[in-house]
Amino acid sequence: MNRSSFAIAMLITGAVCLVVAVGVLIGCSGGEDGILDVEQPGAKLVVRKWLFRRSLLGDTGEWKVPPGSYRTIGLCLSITDENDDKWKLLATSMGKDLTTFTIGEQETTVIEIGEPLELRADVHDGGSGFVGLTLSITGRGGEEYGGQVTKNGMPLGAPKFTVVNGGGKEIGRGQFEYG
């Protein structure tokens, strides 16, 4: 190996060692872990601390994590209903408490998510005789769920609806279409 090849190899090795050392320093605070508790068994969070991404999942909804500031970049909620059906909902918006949060050393940080869920249909005039409906599912922490909802591993079809007049008489029914 000539001198220039050796010098290049040493520079590359030094750069790799520096990147690893910086990564370890950023990822490890040196303090005792704290606890993040979302009070929702079966939840899965994907959080980011600096450049490091971490998936938090488990049956309890509670995890030990190094102290520091985090940003939530993903949330999946798993719920089993009274009929033993298993529902999965993906968050499309995180709500104010989940967007960013801080875990203290040897402290428990509680962030409320999930049930009870609020289902809402907003009706607006679409003009030219059309009516628009926006459906939303919001968790107790302000997080919004949408997109793909599954029941027992199968995606749900578009919701059905019934239109009734002021006297309670059915005047129409149909099914939404995606897109």
C-alpha atoms as a PDB file:
ATOM      1  CA  MET A   1       0.000   0.000   0.000  1.00  0.00           C
ATOM      2  CA  ASN A   2       1.453   3.369  -0.949  1.00  0.00           C
ATOM      3  CA  ARG A   3       1.444   6.426   1.317  1.00  0.00           C
ATOM      4  CA  SER A   4      -1.529   8.179  -0.315  1.00  0.00           C
ATOM      5  CA  SER A   5      -3.735   5.062  -0.096  1.00  0.00           C
ATOM      6  CA  PHE A   6      -2.725   4.624   3.533  1.00  0.00           C
ATOM      7  CA  ALA A   7      -3.501   8.290   4.293  1.00  0.00           C
ATOM      8  CA  ILE A   8      -6.934   8.033   2.650  1.00  0.00           C
ATOM      9  CA  ALA A   9      -7.707   4.841   4.595  1.00  0.00           C
ATOM     10  CA  MET A  10      -6.700   6.545   7.861  1.00  0.00           C
ATOM     11  CA  LEU A  11      -8.899   9.592   7.078  1.00  0.00           C
ATOM     12  CA  ILE A  12     -11.894   7.384   6.341  1.00  0.00           C
ATOM     13  CA  THR A  13     -11.330   5.321   9.513  1.00  0.00           C
ATOM     14  CA  GLY A  14     -11.001   8.519  11.581  1.00  0.00           C
ATOM     15  CA  ALA A  15     -14.201   9.969  10.069  1.00  0.00           C
ATOM     16  CA  VAL A  16     -16.143   6.780  10.816  1.00  0.00           C
ATOM     17  CA  CYS A  17     -14.879   6.746  14.421  1.00  0.00           C
ATOM     18  CA  LEU A  18     -15.847  10.412  14.831  1.00  0.00           C
ATOM     19  CA  VAL A  19     -19.373   9.801  13.481  1.00  0.00           C
ATOM     20  CA  VAL A  20     -19.843   6.815  15.820  1.00  0.00           C
ATOM     21  CA  ALA A  21     -18.528   8.783  18.828  1.00  0.00           C
ATOM     22  CA  VAL A  22     -20.824  11.754  18.120  1.00  0.00           C
ATOM     23  CA  GLY A  23     -23.753   9.356  17.659  1.00  0.00           C
ATOM     24  CA  VAL A  24     -23.080   7.719  21.008  1.00  0.00           C
ATOM     25  CA  LEU A  25     -22.803  11.100  22.747  1.00  0.00           C
ATOM     26  CA  ILE A  26     -26.037  12.385  21.217  1.00  0.00           C
ATOM     27  CA  GLY A  27     -27.980   9.158  21.744  1.00  0.00           C
ATOM     28  CA  CYS A  28     -26.863   8.584  25.332  1.00  0.00           C
ATOM     29  CA  SER A  29     -27.471  11.280  27.884  1.00  0.00           C
ATOM     30  CA  GLY A  30     -25.588   9.508  30.644  1.00  0.00           C
ATOM     31  CA  GLY A  31     -28.558   9.943  33.003  1.00  0.00           C
ATOM     32  CA  GLU A  32     -30.947   7.412  34.446  1.00  0.00           C
ATOM     33  CA  ASP A  33     -33.846   6.432  32.211  1.00  0.00           C
ATOM     34  CA  GLY A  34     -37.243   7.987  32.662  1.00  0.00           C
ATOM     35  CA  ILE A  35     -40.623   6.456  31.866  1.00  0.00           C
ATOM     36  CA  LEU A  36     -43.024   7.423  29.094  1.00  0.00           C
ATOM     37  CA  ASP A  37     -46.585   6.307  29.899  1.00  0.00           C
ATOM     38  CA  VAL A  38     -49.298   6.815  27.252  1.00  0.00           C
ATOM     39  CA  GLU A  39     -51.938   4.989  29.336  1.00  0.00           C
ATOM     40  CA  GLN A  40     -52.998   2.987  26.272  1.00  0.00           C
ATOM     41  CA  PRO A  41     -52.010  -0.701  26.174  1.00  0.00           C
ATOM     42  CA  GLY A  42     -51.117  -1.906  22.675  1.00  0.00           C
ATOM     43  CA  ALA A  43     -50.002   1.507  21.397  1.00  0.00           C
ATOM     44  CA  LYS A  44     -46.942   1.770  19.171  1.00  0.00           C
ATOM     45  CA  LEU A  45     -45.001   5.028  18.931  1.00  0.00           C
ATOM     46  CA  VAL A  46     -42.122   5.955  16.688  1.00  0.00           C
ATOM     47  CA  VAL A  47     -40.125   8.793  18.233  1.00  0.00           C
ATOM     48  CA  ARG A  48     -37.063  10.740  17.224  1.00  0.00           C
ATOM     49  CA  LYS A  49     -34.352  12.170  19.458  1.00  0.00           C
ATOM     50  CA  TRP A  50     -31.838  14.132  17.436  1.00  0.00           C
ATOM     51  CA  LEU A  51     -30.948  11.887  14.496  1.00  0.00           C
ATOM     52  CA  PHE A  52     -31.947   8.672  16.233  1.00  0.00           C
ATOM     53  CA  ARG A  53     -35.274   6.988  15.616  1.00  0.00           C
ATOM     54  CA  ARG A  54     -36.777   4.578  18.135  1.00  0.00           C
ATOM     55  CA  SER A  55     -39.884   2.371  17.997  1.00  0.00           C
ATOM     56  CA  LEU A  56     -41.740   1.956  21.274  1.00  0.00           C
ATOM     57  CA  LEU A  57     -44.157  -0.956  21.390  1.00  0.00           C
ATOM     58  CA  GLY A  58     -45.510  -3.388  23.922  1.00  0.00           C
ATOM     59  CA  ASP A  59     -48.584  -4.492  25.773  1.00  0.00           C
ATOM     60  CA  THR A  60     -48.468  -1.962  28.609  1.00  0.00           C
ATOM     61  CA  GLY A  61     -48.195   1.437  26.875  1.00  0.00           C
ATOM     62  CA  GLU A  62     -45.273   2.276  29.172  1.00  0.00           C
ATOM     63  CA  TRP A  63     -41.576   2.375  28.246  1.00  0.00           C
ATOM     64  CA  LYS A  64     -38.198   3.177  29.816  1.00  0.00           C
ATOM     65  CA  VAL A  65     -36.396   5.760  27.684  1.00  0.00           C
ATOM     66  CA  PRO A  66     -33.295   7.895  28.105  1.00  0.00           C
ATOM     67  CA  PRO A  67     -33.996  11.432  29.341  1.00  0.00           C
ATOM     68  CA  GLY A  68     -34.245  14.183  26.754  1.00  0.00           C
ATOM     69  CA  SER A  69     -36.544  15.853  24.250  1.00  0.00           C
ATOM     70  CA  TYR A  70     -38.413  13.731  21.736  1.00  0.00           C
ATOM     71  CA  ARG A  71     -40.604  14.238  18.694  1.00  0.00           C
ATOM     72  CA  THR A  72     -43.317  11.725  17.771  1.00  0.00           C
ATOM     73  CA  ILE A  73     -43.211  10.786  14.094  1.00  0.00           C
ATOM     74  CA  GLY A  74     -45.639   7.865  14.139  1.00  0.00           C
ATOM     75  CA  LEU A  75     -48.461   6.421  16.237  1.00  0.00           C
ATOM     76  CA  CYS A  76     -50.498   3.246  15.797  1.00  0.00           C
ATOM     77  CA  LEU A  77     -53.311   2.446  18.194  1.00  0.00           C
ATOM     78  CA  SER A  78     -54.496  -1.144  18.746  1.00  0.00           C
ATOM     79  CA  ILE A  79     -57.836  -1.632  20.489  1.00  0.00           C
ATOM     80  CA  THR A  80     -59.808  -4.797  21.245  1.00  0.00           C
ATOM     81  CA  ASP A  81     -63.542  -4.160  21.604  1.00  0.00           C
ATOM     82  CA  GLU A  82     -66.191  -5.976  23.649  1.00  0.00           C
ATOM     83  CA  ASN A  83     -66.758  -8.447  20.760  1.00  0.00           C
ATOM     84  CA  ASP A  84     -63.046  -9.342  20.819  1.00  0.00           C
ATOM     85  CA  ASP A  85     -62.535  -7.594  17.447  1.00  0.00           C
ATOM     86  CA  LYS A  86     -59.058  -6.083  17.046  1.00  0.00           C
ATOM     87  CA  TRP A  87     -58.930  -2.573  15.570  1.00  0.00           C
ATOM     88  CA  LYS A  88     -55.827  -0.699  14.372  1.00  0.00           C
ATOM     89  CA  LEU A  89     -55.809   3.024  13.702  1.00  0.00           C
ATOM     90  CA  LEU A  90     -52.921   5.129  12.373  1.00  0.00           C
ATOM     91  CA  ALA A  91     -52.568   8.702  13.589  1.00  0.00           C
ATOM     92  CA  THR A  92     -52.431  11.383  10.922  1.00  0.00           C
ATOM     93  CA  SER A  93     -51.879  14.222  13.397  1.00  0.00           C
ATOM     94  CA  MET A  94     -50.243  13.944  16.811  1.00  0.00           C
ATOM     95  CA  GLY A  95     -52.051  16.508  18.993  1.00  0.00           C
ATOM     96  CA  LYS A  96     -50.310  19.085  21.137  1.00  0.00           C
ATOM     97  CA  ASP A  97     -48.773  16.797  23.799  1.00  0.00           C
ATOM     98  CA  LEU A  98     -47.386  14.184  21.412  1.00  0.00           C
ATOM     99  CA  THR A  99     -45.762  16.513  18.903  1.00  0.00           C
ATOM    100  CA  THR A 100     -42.795  17.086  21.207  1.00  0.00           C
ATOM    101  CA  PHE A 101     -42.267  16.007  24.799  1.00  0.00           C
ATOM    102  CA  THR A 102     -39.483  15.761  27.345  1.00  0.00           C
ATOM    103  CA  ILE A 103     -38.543  12.795  29.507  1.00  0.00           C
ATOM    104  CA  GLY A 104     -36.864  13.694  32.790  1.00  0.00           C
ATOM    105  CA  GLU A 105     -34.229  11.613  34.511  1.00  0.00           C
ATOM    106  CA  GLN A 106     -35.941   8.984  36.725  1.00  0.00           C
ATOM    107  CA  GLU A 107     -39.307  10.709  36.119  1.00  0.00           C
ATOM    108  CA  THR A 108     -42.558   9.443  34.638  1.00  0.00           C
ATOM    109  CA  THR A 109     -44.050  11.497  31.822  1.00  0.00           C
ATOM    110  CA  VAL A 110     -47.741  10.752  31.186  1.00  0.00           C
ATOM    111  CA  ILE A 111     -49.259  11.614  27.811  1.00  0.00           C
ATOM    112  CA  GLU A 112     -52.895  10.721  27.285  1.00  0.00           C
ATOM    113  CA  ILE A 113     -53.817   9.159  23.948  1.00  0.00           C
ATOM    114  CA  GLY A 114     -56.464   6.841  22.569  1.00  0.00           C
ATOM    115  CA  GLU A 115     -59.765   6.018  24.209  1.00  0.00           C
ATOM    116  CA  PRO A 116     -62.246   7.453  24.577  1.00  0.00           C
ATOM    117  CA  LEU A 117     -62.335   8.221  20.864  1.00  0.00           C
ATOM    118  CA  GLU A 118     -64.552  10.968  19.477  1.00  0.00           C
ATOM    119  CA  LEU A 119     -66.104  10.293  16.080  1.00  0.00           C
ATOM    120  CA  ARG A 120     -67.362  13.352  14.271  1.00  0.00           C
ATOM    121  CA  ALA A 121     -68.907  14.172  10.917  1.00  0.00           C
ATOM    122  CA  ASP A 122     -68.608  17.790   9.779  1.00  0.00           C
ATOM    123  CA  VAL A 123     -71.120  18.839   7.138  1.00  0.00           C
ATOM    124  CA  HIS A 124     -70.427  21.727   4.777  1.00  0.00           C
ATOM    125  CA  ASP A 125     -72.049  23.178   1.682  1.00  0.00           C
ATOM    126  CA  GLY A 126     -70.135  21.994  -1.352  1.00  0.00           C
ATOM    127  CA  GLY A 127     -72.032  24.328  -3.711  1.00  0.00           C
ATOM    128  CA  SER A 128     -74.055  23.403  -6.788  1.00  0.00           C
ATOM    129  CA  GLY A 129     -76.390  21.200  -4.737  1.00  0.00           C
ATOM    130  CA  PHE A 130     -73.608  19.087  -3.233  1.00  0.00           C
ATOM    131  CA  VAL A 131     -73.046  18.528   0.462  1.00  0.00           C
ATOM    132  CA  GLY A 132     -69.602  17.686   1.782  1.00  0.00           C
ATOM    133  CA  LEU A 133     -68.933  15.486   4.804  1.00  0.00           C
ATOM    134  CA  THR A 134     -65.625  15.183   6.602  1.00  0.00           C
ATOM    135  CA  LEU A 135     -65.282  12.275   8.999  1.00  0.00           C
ATOM    136  CA  SER A 136     -62.764  12.396  11.821  1.00  0.00           C
ATOM    137  CA  ILE A 137     -61.661  10.234  14.749  1.00  0.00           C
ATOM    138  CA  THR A 138     -59.942  12.097  17.589  1.00  0.00           C
ATOM    139  CA  GLY A 139     -58.269  10.597  20.661  1.00  0.00           C
ATOM    140  CA  ARG A 140     -58.280  12.081  24.149  1.00  0.00           C
ATOM    141  CA  GLY A 141     -54.894  13.697  23.579  1.00  0.00           C
ATOM    142  CA  GLY A 142     -56.077  15.564  20.471  1.00  0.00           C
ATOM    143  CA  GLU A 143     -54.394  13.123  18.089  1.00  0.00           C
ATOM    144  CA  GLU A 144     -56.337  12.476  14.892  1.00  0.00           C
ATOM    145  CA  TYR A 145     -56.662   9.064  13.291  1.00  0.00           C
ATOM    146  CA  GLY A 146     -57.435   8.460   9.654  1.00  0.00           C
ATOM    147  CA  GLY A 147     -56.241   6.787   6.530  1.00  0.00           C
ATOM    148  CA  GLN A 148     -56.120   3.043   6.971  1.00  0.00           C
ATOM    149  CA  VAL A 149     -58.335   1.608   9.727  1.00  0.00           C
ATOM    150  CA  THR A 150     -58.338  -2.180  10.040  1.00  0.00           C
ATOM    151  CA  LYS A 151     -60.630  -4.584  11.871  1.00  0.00           C
ATOM    152  CA  ASN A 152     -59.181  -8.050  12.538  1.00  0.00           C
ATOM    153  CA  GLY A 153     -56.411  -7.297  10.041  1.00  0.00           C
ATOM    154  CA  MET A 154     -58.764  -6.330   7.192  1.00  0.00           C
ATOM    155  CA  PRO A 155     -59.206  -2.778   5.879  1.00  0.00           C
ATOM    156  CA  LEU A 156     -62.667  -1.337   6.378  1.00  0.00           C
ATOM    157  CA  GLY A 157     -64.855  -0.460   3.417  1.00  0.00           C
ATOM    158  CA  ALA A 158     -66.192   3.032   2.917  1.00  0.00           C
ATOM    159  CA  PRO A 159     -68.771   4.011   5.574  1.00  0.00           C
ATOM    160  CA  LYS A 160     -72.505   3.751   4.843  1.00  0.00           C
ATOM    161  CA  PHE A 161     -74.999   6.457   5.758  1.00  0.00           C
ATOM    162  CA  THR A 162     -78.726   7.092   6.136  1.00  0.00           C
ATOM    163  CA  VAL A 163     -80.362  10.509   5.666  1.00  0.00           C
ATOM    164  CA  VAL A 164     -83.449  11.282   7.770  1.00  0.00           C
ATOM    165  CA  ASN A 165     -85.687  14.351   7.726  1.00  0.00           C
ATOM    166  CA  GLY A 166     -86.675  16.445  10.744  1.00  0.00           C
ATOM    167  CA  GLY A 167     -89.509  14.028  11.540  1.00  0.00           C
ATOM    168  CA  GLY A 168     -87.155  11.042  11.674  1.00  0.00           C
ATOM    169  CA  LYS A 169     -88.325   9.538   8.356  1.00  0.00           C
ATOM    170  CA  GLU A 170     -85.629   7.983   6.176  1.00  0.00           C
ATOM    171  CA  ILE A 171     -85.290   9.889   2.912  1.00  0.00           C
ATOM    172  CA  GLY A 172     -82.136   8.303   1.518  1.00  0.00           C
ATOM    173  CA  ARG A 173     -79.179   6.050   2.121  1.00  0.00           C
ATOM    174  CA  GLY A 174     -75.870   5.381   0.458  1.00  0.00           C
ATOM    175  CA  GLN A 175     -72.213   4.616   0.866  1.00  0.00           C
ATOM    176  CA  PHE A 176     -69.242   6.958   0.728  1.00  0.00           C
ATOM    177  CA  GLU A 177     -66.574   6.506  -1.911  1.00  0.00           C
ATOM    178  CA  TYR A 178     -62.890   7.088  -1.331  1.00  0.00           C
ATOM    179  CA  GLY A 179     -61.106   9.598  -3.508  1.00  0.00           C
END
